[in-house]
């Protein structure tokens, strides 16, 4: 009984020493990845077992041959244990990282949904109150001046169009997020799509004295859904015009390389704060109050335009990026080449 207790104490002491060293190592590595922690923990566990066995073997005064056999056996078992543990530890770490990434993404999506509801509620409440007031005034006949009546009718139409556009954006975004978007790819001349988009945004640009400048050459063909591609280009142009100060300019260019067709929209908005660059394509993100669409005098928006751009581009298997330039921003869309 005494020998058994002594063997246990030897093993406990050896394993405890290794365990304390491992705890110190883990403390020093507390800022490292999950995989590093798992590997250190696995190594400490195996070394604690090996240290206990070796210590007990030496205490039992085994012959050199028997001690060598014990060491070889324990080393082989340790190598196998570490190899198997490393493989499954890597998988466990990858699963943990994936799960954390999924949780972070879900939290961002949930925050985006809450922000979207808040923005949409705000964007609908104000015009609806104005529409109701104007409709009641017309209905009660308290407005008799024909010019004022015409102005009320015009404002009702404008606000109705704006809310219809917001509802259309919400519907488009819901189709993208639900995976219900069905593309019908055709070979589209990018020049024609850009020309139509420029014509559509020209009145807004003229009101704000924004110069729209398109490249003279280099316009490729692209394999894409024509309606979706037109929406991408139009949203990018509207976004740049809204945020560019008066008397600024918006440049549109395109080209291709062996793998991609690219479209770039550059403006003179003054740049985007570095902390906002990764968020400009988030749902309902509008940046600083001074850079909101309403502040730009464009009639406002739901903060959905760039989110729709990203969704449509990714649905085509492409990507969209933004970066600051000397005078403003450059949005670049890349789609797979035909």
Foldseek 3Di string as FASTA:
>chain_A
DVLVVVLVVLLCVQLVVLVVVLVVVCVVCVVDAQLVNQLSVQLSVLSSNLRSQLRSVVVVVDDPVVSVVSNVVSVVVSVVSSVVSSVVSVVVRVVVVVVVVVVVVVVLVVVLVVLLVVLLCVLPPVVVVVLVVLVVCVVVVVDDPPVVVVVSVVSNVVSVVQVVVQVVLVVLLVCLVVVVDDWDWDWAFPVVLLVVLCVVCVVVCVVLQEAEAEDPDATHIATTRSVLVSLLNNLVVVLQSLQAHRNWYKYWYWHDDPWKTKIKIWIQNQEAPPVCQVPLLGFQDQHDPCRASVVSVPSGHSSRSSVSNQSRLVVQVWGWHKDADPRYIMIMIIGTHD
